[in-house]
Amino acid sequence: MVSMEFLLATGIGFVTAAGIWLLLRGRSFPVVLGLSLIGYAVNVFIFAMGRLWMGVPPIVDAGPDVADPLPQALVLTAIVIGFATTGFVIELALRSRHDNGSDHVDGSER
């Protein structure tokens, strides 16, 4: 029987591996996709570290069991920052393609 923790860790590992594989490509668009995938994997990892609490208030004085709202807040902030960073990296890739005439990350066709 496979546990949910193993499935989640395997999923995060596959997304991270795909992101690293895309980062090692020679074109700029796969590099941008790889950066996005690694960002998604980190977000899921941070969210999973906060555990899922059902029917528990996120207030400390409410009782013995409380949900931690910090991972959700961190992931929400990371999503917004990741979106802005992805837009900036896409703009850099488009500018590099315009200036160099190629979309290779080193600027030259081989």
PDB file of N, CA and C in Angstrom:
ATOM      1  N   MET A   1       0.843  -1.176   0.000  1.00  0.00           N
ATOM      2  CA  MET A   1       0.000   0.000   0.000  1.00  0.00           C
ATOM      3  C   MET A   1       0.890   1.240   0.000  1.00  0.00           C
ATOM      4  N   VAL A   2       0.611   2.157  -0.868  1.00  0.00           N
ATOM      5  CA  VAL A   2       1.398   3.382  -0.995  1.00  0.00           C
ATOM      6  C   VAL A   2       0.741   4.481  -0.157  1.00  0.00           C
ATOM      7  N   SER A   3       1.554   5.154   0.638  1.00  0.00           N
ATOM      8  CA  SER A   3       1.017   6.196   1.499  1.00  0.00           C
ATOM      9  C   SER A   3       0.862   7.506   0.720  1.00  0.00           C
ATOM     10  N   MET A   4       0.034   8.374   1.260  1.00  0.00           N
ATOM     11  CA  MET A   4      -0.200   9.680   0.640  1.00  0.00           C
ATOM     12  C   MET A   4       1.053  10.536   0.691  1.00  0.00           C
ATOM     13  N   GLU A   5       1.843  10.397   1.763  1.00  0.00           N
ATOM     14  CA  GLU A   5       3.088  11.155   1.868  1.00  0.00           C
ATOM     15  C   GLU A   5       4.056  10.768   0.760  1.00  0.00           C
ATOM     16  N   PHE A   6       4.127   9.461   0.473  1.00  0.00           N
ATOM     17  CA  PHE A   6       5.007   8.993  -0.601  1.00  0.00           C
ATOM     18  C   PHE A   6       4.541   9.527  -1.956  1.00  0.00           C
ATOM     19  N   LEU A   7       3.241   9.513  -2.199  1.00  0.00           N
ATOM     20  CA  LEU A   7       2.713  10.030  -3.465  1.00  0.00           C
ATOM     21  C   LEU A   7       2.982  11.519  -3.618  1.00  0.00           C
ATOM     22  N   LEU A   8       2.792  12.279  -2.547  1.00  0.00           N
ATOM     23  CA  LEU A   8       3.039  13.715  -2.596  1.00  0.00           C
ATOM     24  C   LEU A   8       4.521  14.005  -2.823  1.00  0.00           C
ATOM     25  N   ALA A   9       5.387  13.301  -2.107  1.00  0.00           N
ATOM     26  CA  ALA A   9       6.829  13.492  -2.281  1.00  0.00           C
ATOM     27  C   ALA A   9       7.275  13.095  -3.682  1.00  0.00           C
ATOM     28  N   THR A  10       6.717  12.025  -4.223  1.00  0.00           N
ATOM     29  CA  THR A  10       7.052  11.599  -5.582  1.00  0.00           C
ATOM     30  C   THR A  10       6.577  12.621  -6.603  1.00  0.00           C
ATOM     31  N   GLY A  11       5.384  13.153  -6.409  1.00  0.00           N
ATOM     32  CA  GLY A  11       4.880  14.183  -7.321  1.00  0.00           C
ATOM     33  C   GLY A  11       5.735  15.432  -7.307  1.00  0.00           C
ATOM     34  N   ILE A  12       6.103  15.887  -6.113  1.00  0.00           N
ATOM     35  CA  ILE A  12       6.968  17.066  -6.002  1.00  0.00           C
ATOM     36  C   ILE A  12       8.324  16.774  -6.640  1.00  0.00           C
ATOM     37  N   GLY A  13       8.842  15.557  -6.444  1.00  0.00           N
ATOM     38  CA  GLY A  13      10.117  15.180  -7.054  1.00  0.00           C
ATOM     39  C   GLY A  13      10.048  15.157  -8.568  1.00  0.00           C
ATOM     40  N   PHE A  14       8.968  14.634  -9.131  1.00  0.00           N
ATOM     41  CA  PHE A  14       8.825  14.608 -10.595  1.00  0.00           C
ATOM     42  C   PHE A  14       8.724  16.016 -11.173  1.00  0.00           C
ATOM     43  N   VAL A  15       7.966  16.885 -10.526  1.00  0.00           N
ATOM     44  CA  VAL A  15       7.837  18.259 -11.013  1.00  0.00           C
ATOM     45  C   VAL A  15       9.186  18.985 -10.928  1.00  0.00           C
ATOM     46  N   THR A  16       9.915  18.760  -9.834  1.00  0.00           N
ATOM     47  CA  THR A  16      11.239  19.365  -9.694  1.00  0.00           C
ATOM     48  C   THR A  16      12.196  18.830 -10.746  1.00  0.00           C
ATOM     49  N   ALA A  17      12.176  17.517 -10.982  1.00  0.00           N
ATOM     50  CA  ALA A  17      13.049  16.922 -11.996  1.00  0.00           C
ATOM     51  C   ALA A  17      12.718  17.452 -13.390  1.00  0.00           C
ATOM     52  N   ALA A  18      11.438  17.600 -13.692  1.00  0.00           N
ATOM     53  CA  ALA A  18      11.056  18.156 -14.994  1.00  0.00           C
ATOM     54  C   ALA A  18      11.502  19.604 -15.121  1.00  0.00           C
ATOM     55  N   GLY A  19      11.408  20.355 -14.036  1.00  0.00           N
ATOM     56  CA  GLY A  19      11.869  21.745 -14.046  1.00  0.00           C
ATOM     57  C   GLY A  19      13.371  21.845 -14.267  1.00  0.00           C
ATOM     58  N   ILE A  20      14.140  20.992 -13.610  1.00  0.00           N
ATOM     59  CA  ILE A  20      15.595  21.002 -13.810  1.00  0.00           C
ATOM     60  C   ILE A  20      15.943  20.582 -15.225  1.00  0.00           C
ATOM     61  N   TRP A  21      15.253  19.571 -15.741  1.00  0.00           N
ATOM     62  CA  TRP A  21      15.504  19.132 -17.113  1.00  0.00           C
ATOM     63  C   TRP A  21      15.229  20.263 -18.114  1.00  0.00           C
ATOM     64  N   LEU A  22      14.149  20.998 -17.892  1.00  0.00           N
ATOM     65  CA  LEU A  22      13.841  22.119 -18.784  1.00  0.00           C
ATOM     66  C   LEU A  22      14.839  23.266 -18.620  1.00  0.00           C
ATOM     67  N   LEU A  23      15.356  23.468 -17.416  1.00  0.00           N
ATOM     68  CA  LEU A  23      16.358  24.513 -17.210  1.00  0.00           C
ATOM     69  C   LEU A  23      17.641  24.239 -17.996  1.00  0.00           C
ATOM     70  N   LEU A  24      17.927  22.991 -18.268  1.00  0.00           N
ATOM     71  CA  LEU A  24      19.159  22.621 -18.965  1.00  0.00           C
ATOM     72  C   LEU A  24      19.023  22.635 -20.485  1.00  0.00           C
ATOM     73  N   ARG A  25      17.893  23.026 -21.004  1.00  0.00           N
ATOM     74  CA  ARG A  25      17.696  23.121 -22.454  1.00  0.00           C
ATOM     75  C   ARG A  25      18.415  24.352 -22.988  1.00  0.00           C
ATOM     76  N   GLY A  26      18.635  24.397 -24.298  1.00  0.00           N
ATOM     77  CA  GLY A  26      19.379  25.501 -24.901  1.00  0.00           C
ATOM     78  C   GLY A  26      18.532  26.683 -25.326  1.00  0.00           C
ATOM     79  N   ARG A  27      17.238  26.541 -25.324  1.00  0.00           N
ATOM     80  CA  ARG A  27      16.353  27.628 -25.745  1.00  0.00           C
ATOM     81  C   ARG A  27      15.793  28.364 -24.537  1.00  0.00           C
ATOM     82  N   SER A  28      15.361  29.592 -24.742  1.00  0.00           N
ATOM     83  CA  SER A  28      14.920  30.398 -23.603  1.00  0.00           C
ATOM     84  C   SER A  28      13.520  30.031 -23.115  1.00  0.00           C
ATOM     85  N   PHE A  29      12.603  29.610 -24.002  1.00  0.00           N
ATOM     86  CA  PHE A  29      11.248  29.293 -23.556  1.00  0.00           C
ATOM     87  C   PHE A  29      11.211  28.089 -22.617  1.00  0.00           C
ATOM     88  N   PRO A  30      11.925  26.985 -22.904  1.00  0.00           N
ATOM     89  CA  PRO A  30      11.951  25.893 -21.926  1.00  0.00           C
ATOM     90  C   PRO A  30      12.595  26.290 -20.595  1.00  0.00           C
ATOM     91  N   VAL A  31      13.546  27.204 -20.632  1.00  0.00           N
ATOM     92  CA  VAL A  31      14.153  27.673 -19.377  1.00  0.00           C
ATOM     93  C   VAL A  31      13.114  28.404 -18.534  1.00  0.00           C
ATOM     94  N   VAL A  32      12.288  29.224 -19.164  1.00  0.00           N
ATOM     95  CA  VAL A  32      11.224  29.930 -18.431  1.00  0.00           C
ATOM     96  C   VAL A  32      10.217  28.921 -17.861  1.00  0.00           C
ATOM     97  N   LEU A  33       9.858  27.904 -18.643  1.00  0.00           N
ATOM     98  CA  LEU A  33       8.944  26.880 -18.139  1.00  0.00           C
ATOM     99  C   LEU A  33       9.565  26.104 -16.982  1.00  0.00           C
ATOM    100  N   GLY A  34      10.858  25.819 -17.073  1.00  0.00           N
ATOM    101  CA  GLY A  34      11.543  25.122 -15.991  1.00  0.00           C
ATOM    102  C   GLY A  34      11.547  25.924 -14.700  1.00  0.00           C
ATOM    103  N   LEU A  35      11.804  27.222 -14.811  1.00  0.00           N
ATOM    104  CA  LEU A  35      11.753  28.080 -13.626  1.00  0.00           C
ATOM    105  C   LEU A  35      10.360  28.091 -13.012  1.00  0.00           C
ATOM    106  N   SER A  36       9.345  28.120 -13.856  1.00  0.00           N
ATOM    107  CA  SER A  36       7.964  28.103 -13.354  1.00  0.00           C
ATOM    108  C   SER A  36       7.651  26.781 -12.655  1.00  0.00           C
ATOM    109  N   LEU A  37       8.085  25.663 -13.243  1.00  0.00           N
ATOM    110  CA  LEU A  37       7.817  24.365 -12.626  1.00  0.00           C
ATOM    111  C   LEU A  37       8.516  24.226 -11.278  1.00  0.00           C
ATOM    112  N   ILE A  38       9.743  24.713 -11.182  1.00  0.00           N
ATOM    113  CA  ILE A  38      10.434  24.649  -9.899  1.00  0.00           C
ATOM    114  C   ILE A  38       9.718  25.526  -8.867  1.00  0.00           C
ATOM    115  N   GLY A  39       9.223  26.676  -9.299  1.00  0.00           N
ATOM    116  CA  GLY A  39       8.444  27.521  -8.394  1.00  0.00           C
ATOM    117  C   GLY A  39       7.179  26.831  -7.922  1.00  0.00           C
ATOM    118  N   TYR A  40       6.493  26.118  -8.818  1.00  0.00           N
ATOM    119  CA  TYR A  40       5.287  25.391  -8.430  1.00  0.00           C
ATOM    120  C   TYR A  40       5.623  24.272  -7.444  1.00  0.00           C
ATOM    121  N   ALA A  41       6.728  23.571  -7.688  1.00  0.00           N
ATOM    122  CA  ALA A  41       7.117  22.487  -6.781  1.00  0.00           C
ATOM    123  C   ALA A  41       7.432  23.021  -5.387  1.00  0.00           C
ATOM    124  N   VAL A  42       8.103  24.152  -5.319  1.00  0.00           N
ATOM    125  CA  VAL A  42       8.411  24.749  -4.016  1.00  0.00           C
ATOM    126  C   VAL A  42       7.128  25.185  -3.315  1.00  0.00           C
ATOM    127  N   ASN A  43       6.184  25.749  -4.066  1.00  0.00           N
ATOM    128  CA  ASN A  43       4.910  26.167  -3.466  1.00  0.00           C
ATOM    129  C   ASN A  43       4.142  24.980  -2.890  1.00  0.00           C
ATOM    130  N   VAL A  44       4.085  23.881  -3.632  1.00  0.00           N
ATOM    131  CA  VAL A  44       3.381  22.690  -3.130  1.00  0.00           C
ATOM    132  C   VAL A  44       4.110  22.128  -1.910  1.00  0.00           C
ATOM    133  N   PHE A  45       5.453  22.153  -1.931  1.00  0.00           N
ATOM    134  CA  PHE A  45       6.215  21.675  -0.790  1.00  0.00           C
ATOM    135  C   PHE A  45       5.922  22.508   0.461  1.00  0.00           C
ATOM    136  N   ILE A  46       5.943  23.823   0.318  1.00  0.00           N
ATOM    137  CA  ILE A  46       5.653  24.688   1.468  1.00  0.00           C
ATOM    138  C   ILE A  46       4.221  24.464   1.961  1.00  0.00           C
ATOM    139  N   PHE A  47       3.287  24.337   1.042  1.00  0.00           N
ATOM    140  CA  PHE A  47       1.887  24.115   1.426  1.00  0.00           C
ATOM    141  C   PHE A  47       1.719  22.776   2.141  1.00  0.00           C
ATOM    142  N   ALA A  48       2.428  21.753   1.672  1.00  0.00           N
ATOM    143  CA  ALA A  48       2.319  20.431   2.293  1.00  0.00           C
ATOM    144  C   ALA A  48       2.943  20.406   3.679  1.00  0.00           C
ATOM    145  N   MET A  49       3.927  21.232   3.926  1.00  0.00           N
ATOM    146  CA  MET A  49       4.559  21.262   5.244  1.00  0.00           C
ATOM    147  C   MET A  49       3.639  21.843   6.311  1.00  0.00           C
ATOM    148  N   GLY A  50       2.602  22.583   5.915  1.00  0.00           N
ATOM    149  CA  GLY A  50       1.662  23.157   6.869  1.00  0.00           C
ATOM    150  C   GLY A  50       0.581  22.205   7.315  1.00  0.00           C
ATOM    151  N   ARG A  51       0.491  21.023   6.726  1.00  0.00           N
ATOM    152  CA  ARG A  51      -0.526  20.025   7.020  1.00  0.00           C
ATOM    153  C   ARG A  51      -1.923  20.545   6.719  1.00  0.00           C
ATOM    154  N   LEU A  52      -2.847  19.642   6.536  1.00  0.00           N
ATOM    155  CA  LEU A  52      -4.234  19.992   6.246  1.00  0.00           C
ATOM    156  C   LEU A  52      -5.076  19.724   7.489  1.00  0.00           C
ATOM    157  N   TRP A  53      -5.673  20.760   8.000  1.00  0.00           N
ATOM    158  CA  TRP A  53      -6.542  20.639   9.168  1.00  0.00           C
ATOM    159  C   TRP A  53      -7.978  20.876   8.717  1.00  0.00           C
ATOM    160  N   MET A  54      -8.863  19.974   9.104  1.00  0.00           N
ATOM    161  CA  MET A  54     -10.273  20.080   8.748  1.00  0.00           C
ATOM    162  C   MET A  54     -11.080  20.522   9.968  1.00  0.00           C
ATOM    163  N   GLY A  55     -11.823  21.637   9.834  1.00  0.00           N
ATOM    164  CA  GLY A  55     -12.709  22.097  10.893  1.00  0.00           C
ATOM    165  C   GLY A  55     -12.007  22.663  12.111  1.00  0.00           C
ATOM    166  N   VAL A  56     -10.769  23.136  11.930  1.00  0.00           N
ATOM    167  CA  VAL A  56     -10.014  23.684  13.056  1.00  0.00           C
ATOM    168  C   VAL A  56      -9.774  25.160  12.776  1.00  0.00           C
ATOM    169  N   PRO A  57     -10.070  26.037  13.729  1.00  0.00           N
ATOM    170  CA  PRO A  57      -9.885  27.470  13.490  1.00  0.00           C
ATOM    171  C   PRO A  57      -8.400  27.860  13.499  1.00  0.00           C
ATOM    172  N   PRO A  58      -8.028  28.865  12.719  1.00  0.00           N
ATOM    173  CA  PRO A  58      -6.634  29.313  12.713  1.00  0.00           C
ATOM    174  C   PRO A  58      -6.348  30.355  13.790  1.00  0.00           C
ATOM    175  N   ILE A  59      -6.894  30.152  14.975  1.00  0.00           N
ATOM    176  CA  ILE A  59      -6.724  31.093  16.083  1.00  0.00           C
ATOM    177  C   ILE A  59      -6.107  30.323  17.250  1.00  0.00           C
ATOM    178  N   VAL A  60      -5.104  30.876  17.885  1.00  0.00           N
ATOM    179  CA  VAL A  60      -4.355  30.156  18.918  1.00  0.00           C
ATOM    180  C   VAL A  60      -5.177  29.886  20.162  1.00  0.00           C
ATOM    181  N   ASP A  61      -6.035  30.794  20.584  1.00  0.00           N
ATOM    182  CA  ASP A  61      -6.784  30.623  21.821  1.00  0.00           C
ATOM    183  C   ASP A  61      -8.098  29.865  21.653  1.00  0.00           C
ATOM    184  N   ALA A  62      -8.305  29.215  20.511  1.00  0.00           N
ATOM    185  CA  ALA A  62      -9.587  28.570  20.254  1.00  0.00           C
ATOM    186  C   ALA A  62      -9.681  27.166  20.838  1.00  0.00           C
ATOM    187  N   GLY A  63      -8.576  26.542  21.191  1.00  0.00           N
ATOM    188  CA  GLY A  63      -8.626  25.188  21.719  1.00  0.00           C
ATOM    189  C   GLY A  63      -7.293  24.488  21.541  1.00  0.00           C
ATOM    190  N   PRO A  64      -7.283  23.171  21.801  1.00  0.00           N
ATOM    191  CA  PRO A  64      -6.010  22.452  21.723  1.00  0.00           C
ATOM    192  C   PRO A  64      -5.490  22.286  20.288  1.00  0.00           C
ATOM    193  N   ASP A  65      -6.380  22.122  19.323  1.00  0.00           N
ATOM    194  CA  ASP A  65      -5.964  21.958  17.932  1.00  0.00           C
ATOM    195  C   ASP A  65      -6.194  23.259  17.172  1.00  0.00           C
ATOM    196  N   VAL A  66      -5.139  23.777  16.589  1.00  0.00           N
ATOM    197  CA  VAL A  66      -5.264  24.990  15.786  1.00  0.00           C
ATOM    198  C   VAL A  66      -4.559  24.772  14.458  1.00  0.00           C
ATOM    199  N   ALA A  67      -5.099  25.359  13.413  1.00  0.00           N
ATOM    200  CA  ALA A  67      -4.480  25.288  12.095  1.00  0.00           C
ATOM    201  C   ALA A  67      -3.464  26.418  11.975  1.00  0.00           C
ATOM    202  N   ASP A  68      -2.380  26.145  11.285  1.00  0.00           N
ATOM    203  CA  ASP A  68      -1.336  27.146  11.091  1.00  0.00           C
ATOM    204  C   ASP A  68      -1.603  27.884   9.777  1.00  0.00           C
ATOM    205  N   PRO A  69      -1.940  29.173   9.816  1.00  0.00           N
ATOM    206  CA  PRO A  69      -2.222  29.902   8.581  1.00  0.00           C
ATOM    207  C   PRO A  69      -0.968  30.389   7.857  1.00  0.00           C
ATOM    208  N   LEU A  70       0.203  30.236   8.465  1.00  0.00           N
ATOM    209  CA  LEU A  70       1.432  30.758   7.870  1.00  0.00           C
ATOM    210  C   LEU A  70       1.785  30.100   6.534  1.00  0.00           C
ATOM    211  N   PRO A  71       1.719  28.765   6.365  1.00  0.00           N
ATOM    212  CA  PRO A  71       2.055  28.192   5.054  1.00  0.00           C
ATOM    213  C   PRO A  71       1.148  28.687   3.929  1.00  0.00           C
ATOM    214  N   GLN A  72      -0.150  28.847   4.211  1.00  0.00           N
ATOM    215  CA  GLN A  72      -1.052  29.357   3.186  1.00  0.00           C
ATOM    216  C   GLN A  72      -0.694  30.780   2.802  1.00  0.00           C
ATOM    217  N   ALA A  73      -0.349  31.593   3.780  1.00  0.00           N
ATOM    218  CA  ALA A  73       0.039  32.973   3.490  1.00  0.00           C
ATOM    219  C   ALA A  73       1.347  33.021   2.706  1.00  0.00           C
ATOM    220  N   LEU A  74       2.292  32.173   3.055  1.00  0.00           N
ATOM    221  CA  LEU A  74       3.560  32.128   2.325  1.00  0.00           C
ATOM    222  C   LEU A  74       3.362  31.698   0.876  1.00  0.00           C
ATOM    223  N   VAL A  75       2.527  30.682   0.662  1.00  0.00           N
ATOM    224  CA  VAL A  75       2.287  30.202  -0.699  1.00  0.00           C
ATOM    225  C   VAL A  75       1.545  31.248  -1.516  1.00  0.00           C
ATOM    226  N   LEU A  76       0.571  31.919  -0.918  1.00  0.00           N
ATOM    227  CA  LEU A  76      -0.147  32.968  -1.643  1.00  0.00           C
ATOM    228  C   LEU A  76       0.804  34.083  -2.054  1.00  0.00           C
ATOM    229  N   THR A  77       1.687  34.487  -1.166  1.00  0.00           N
ATOM    230  CA  THR A  77       2.682  35.508  -1.491  1.00  0.00           C
ATOM    231  C   THR A  77       3.643  35.008  -2.555  1.00  0.00           C
ATOM    232  N   ALA A  78       4.057  33.745  -2.459  1.00  0.00           N
ATOM    233  CA  ALA A  78       4.983  33.180  -3.445  1.00  0.00           C
ATOM    234  C   ALA A  78       4.348  33.079  -4.822  1.00  0.00           C
ATOM    235  N   ILE A  79       3.058  32.814  -4.895  1.00  0.00           N
ATOM    236  CA  ILE A  79       2.373  32.754  -6.191  1.00  0.00           C
ATOM    237  C   ILE A  79       2.396  34.126  -6.861  1.00  0.00           C
ATOM    238  N   VAL A  80       2.115  35.167  -6.101  1.00  0.00           N
ATOM    239  CA  VAL A  80       2.111  36.522  -6.660  1.00  0.00           C
ATOM    240  C   VAL A  80       3.516  36.920  -7.109  1.00  0.00           C
ATOM    241  N   ILE A  81       4.515  36.660  -6.273  1.00  0.00           N
ATOM    242  CA  ILE A  81       5.888  36.999  -6.635  1.00  0.00           C
ATOM    243  C   ILE A  81       6.360  36.160  -7.819  1.00  0.00           C
ATOM    244  N   GLY A  82       5.991  34.884  -7.851  1.00  0.00           N
ATOM    245  CA  GLY A  82       6.361  34.017  -8.965  1.00  0.00           C
ATOM    246  C   GLY A  82       5.748  34.471 -10.281  1.00  0.00           C
ATOM    247  N   PHE A  83       4.510  34.938 -10.231  1.00  0.00           N
ATOM    248  CA  PHE A  83       3.869  35.442 -11.446  1.00  0.00           C
ATOM    249  C   PHE A  83       4.592  36.673 -11.976  1.00  0.00           C
ATOM    250  N   ALA A  84       4.943  37.584 -11.085  1.00  0.00           N
ATOM    251  CA  ALA A  84       5.665  38.789 -11.508  1.00  0.00           C
ATOM    252  C   ALA A  84       7.053  38.446 -12.034  1.00  0.00           C
ATOM    253  N   THR A  85       7.734  37.519 -11.373  1.00  0.00           N
ATOM    254  CA  THR A  85       9.064  37.122 -11.820  1.00  0.00           C
ATOM    255  C   THR A  85       8.999  36.421 -13.174  1.00  0.00           C
ATOM    256  N   THR A  86       7.986  35.590 -13.386  1.00  0.00           N
ATOM    257  CA  THR A  86       7.835  34.916 -14.673  1.00  0.00           C
ATOM    258  C   THR A  86       7.598  35.929 -15.787  1.00  0.00           C
ATOM    259  N   GLY A  87       6.777  36.925 -15.535  1.00  0.00           N
ATOM    260  CA  GLY A  87       6.569  37.974 -16.533  1.00  0.00           C
ATOM    261  C   GLY A  87       7.851  38.717 -16.857  1.00  0.00           C
ATOM    262  N   PHE A  88       8.653  39.004 -15.838  1.00  0.00           N
ATOM    263  CA  PHE A  88       9.921  39.694 -16.052  1.00  0.00           C
ATOM    264  C   PHE A  88      10.897  38.830 -16.847  1.00  0.00           C
ATOM    265  N   VAL A  89      10.976  37.529 -16.530  1.00  0.00           N
ATOM    266  CA  VAL A  89      11.888  36.634 -17.245  1.00  0.00           C
ATOM    267  C   VAL A  89      11.443  36.454 -18.692  1.00  0.00           C
ATOM    268  N   ILE A  90      10.149  36.414 -18.946  1.00  0.00           N
ATOM    269  CA  ILE A  90       9.660  36.324 -20.326  1.00  0.00           C
ATOM    270  C   ILE A  90      10.052  37.577 -21.101  1.00  0.00           C
ATOM    271  N   GLU A  91       9.928  38.730 -20.461  1.00  0.00           N
ATOM    272  CA  GLU A  91      10.337  39.969 -21.122  1.00  0.00           C
ATOM    273  C   GLU A  91      11.829  39.963 -21.413  1.00  0.00           C
ATOM    274  N   LEU A  92      12.639  39.477 -20.490  1.00  0.00           N
ATOM    275  CA  LEU A  92      14.083  39.368 -20.736  1.00  0.00           C
ATOM    276  C   LEU A  92      14.381  38.414 -21.890  1.00  0.00           C
ATOM    277  N   ALA A  93      13.662  37.300 -21.956  1.00  0.00           N
ATOM    278  CA  ALA A  93      13.872  36.343 -23.043  1.00  0.00           C
ATOM    279  C   ALA A  93      13.480  36.952 -24.388  1.00  0.00           C
ATOM    280  N   LEU A  94      12.373  37.693 -24.420  1.00  0.00           N
ATOM    281  CA  LEU A  94      11.965  38.340 -25.675  1.00  0.00           C
ATOM    282  C   LEU A  94      12.966  39.406 -26.100  1.00  0.00           C
ATOM    283  N   ARG A  95      13.477  40.159 -25.131  1.00  0.00           N
ATOM    284  CA  ARG A  95      14.470  41.182 -25.450  1.00  0.00           C
ATOM    285  C   ARG A  95      15.772  40.554 -25.957  1.00  0.00           C
ATOM    286  N   SER A  96      16.177  39.458 -25.342  1.00  0.00           N
ATOM    287  CA  SER A  96      17.379  38.755 -25.785  1.00  0.00           C
ATOM    288  C   SER A  96      17.200  38.205 -27.194  1.00  0.00           C
ATOM    289  N   ARG A  97      16.015  37.693 -27.497  1.00  0.00           N
ATOM    290  CA  ARG A  97      15.763  37.182 -28.856  1.00  0.00           C
ATOM    291  C   ARG A  97      15.812  38.324 -29.863  1.00  0.00           C
ATOM    292  N   HIS A  98      15.271  39.461 -29.501  1.00  0.00           N
ATOM    293  CA  HIS A  98      15.277  40.607 -30.406  1.00  0.00           C
ATOM    294  C   HIS A  98      16.707  41.118 -30.630  1.00  0.00           C
ATOM    295  N   ASP A  99      17.475  41.231 -29.560  1.00  0.00           N
ATOM    296  CA  ASP A  99      18.836  41.769 -29.680  1.00  0.00           C
ATOM    297  C   ASP A  99      19.792  40.807 -30.363  1.00  0.00           C
ATOM    298  N   ASN A 100      19.686  39.510 -30.088  1.00  0.00           N
ATOM    299  CA  ASN A 100      20.641  38.534 -30.616  1.00  0.00           C
ATOM    300  C   ASN A 100      20.174  37.845 -31.883  1.00  0.00           C
ATOM    301  N   GLY A 101      18.893  37.929 -32.191  1.00  0.00           N
ATOM    302  CA  GLY A 101      18.367  37.246 -33.369  1.00  0.00           C
ATOM    303  C   GLY A 101      18.208  35.750 -33.175  1.00  0.00           C
ATOM    304  N   SER A 102      18.327  35.270 -31.952  1.00  0.00           N
ATOM    305  CA  SER A 102      18.212  33.847 -31.643  1.00  0.00           C
ATOM    306  C   SER A 102      17.605  33.701 -30.261  1.00  0.00           C
ATOM    307  N   ASP A 103      16.966  32.558 -30.021  1.00  0.00           N
ATOM    308  CA  ASP A 103      16.426  32.338 -28.691  1.00  0.00           C
ATOM    309  C   ASP A 103      17.264  31.351 -27.879  1.00  0.00           C
ATOM    310  N   HIS A 104      18.489  31.111 -28.307  1.00  0.00           N
ATOM    311  CA  HIS A 104      19.411  30.318 -27.498  1.00  0.00           C
ATOM    312  C   HIS A 104      19.800  31.120 -26.268  1.00  0.00           C
ATOM    313  N   VAL A 105      19.992  30.427 -25.145  1.00  0.00           N
ATOM    314  CA  VAL A 105      20.296  31.133 -23.909  1.00  0.00           C
ATOM    315  C   VAL A 105      21.689  31.760 -23.935  1.00  0.00           C
ATOM    316  N   ASP A 106      22.604  31.234 -24.763  1.00  0.00           N
ATOM    317  CA  ASP A 106      23.928  31.857 -24.854  1.00  0.00           C
ATOM    318  C   ASP A 106      24.025  32.834 -26.026  1.00  0.00           C
ATOM    319  N   GLY A 107      22.957  32.976 -26.794  1.00  0.00           N
ATOM    320  CA  GLY A 107      22.903  33.976 -27.854  1.00  0.00           C
ATOM    321  C   GLY A 107      23.473  33.544 -29.190  1.00  0.00           C
ATOM    322  N   SER A 108      23.889  32.276 -29.331  1.00  0.00           N
ATOM    323  CA  SER A 108      24.464  31.852 -30.609  1.00  0.00           C
ATOM    324  C   SER A 108      23.909  30.494 -31.006  1.00  0.00           C
ATOM    325  N   GLU A 109      23.678  30.333 -32.299  1.00  0.00           N
ATOM    326  CA  GLU A 109      23.253  29.049 -32.851  1.00  0.00           C
ATOM    327  C   GLU A 109      24.459  28.143 -32.981  1.00  0.00           C
ATOM    328  N   ARG A 110      24.331  26.906 -32.569  1.00  0.00           N
ATOM    329  CA  ARG A 110      25.445  25.961 -32.718  1.00  0.00           C
ATOM    330  C   ARG A 110      25.016  24.788 -33.521  1.00  0.00           C
TER     331      ARG A 110
END
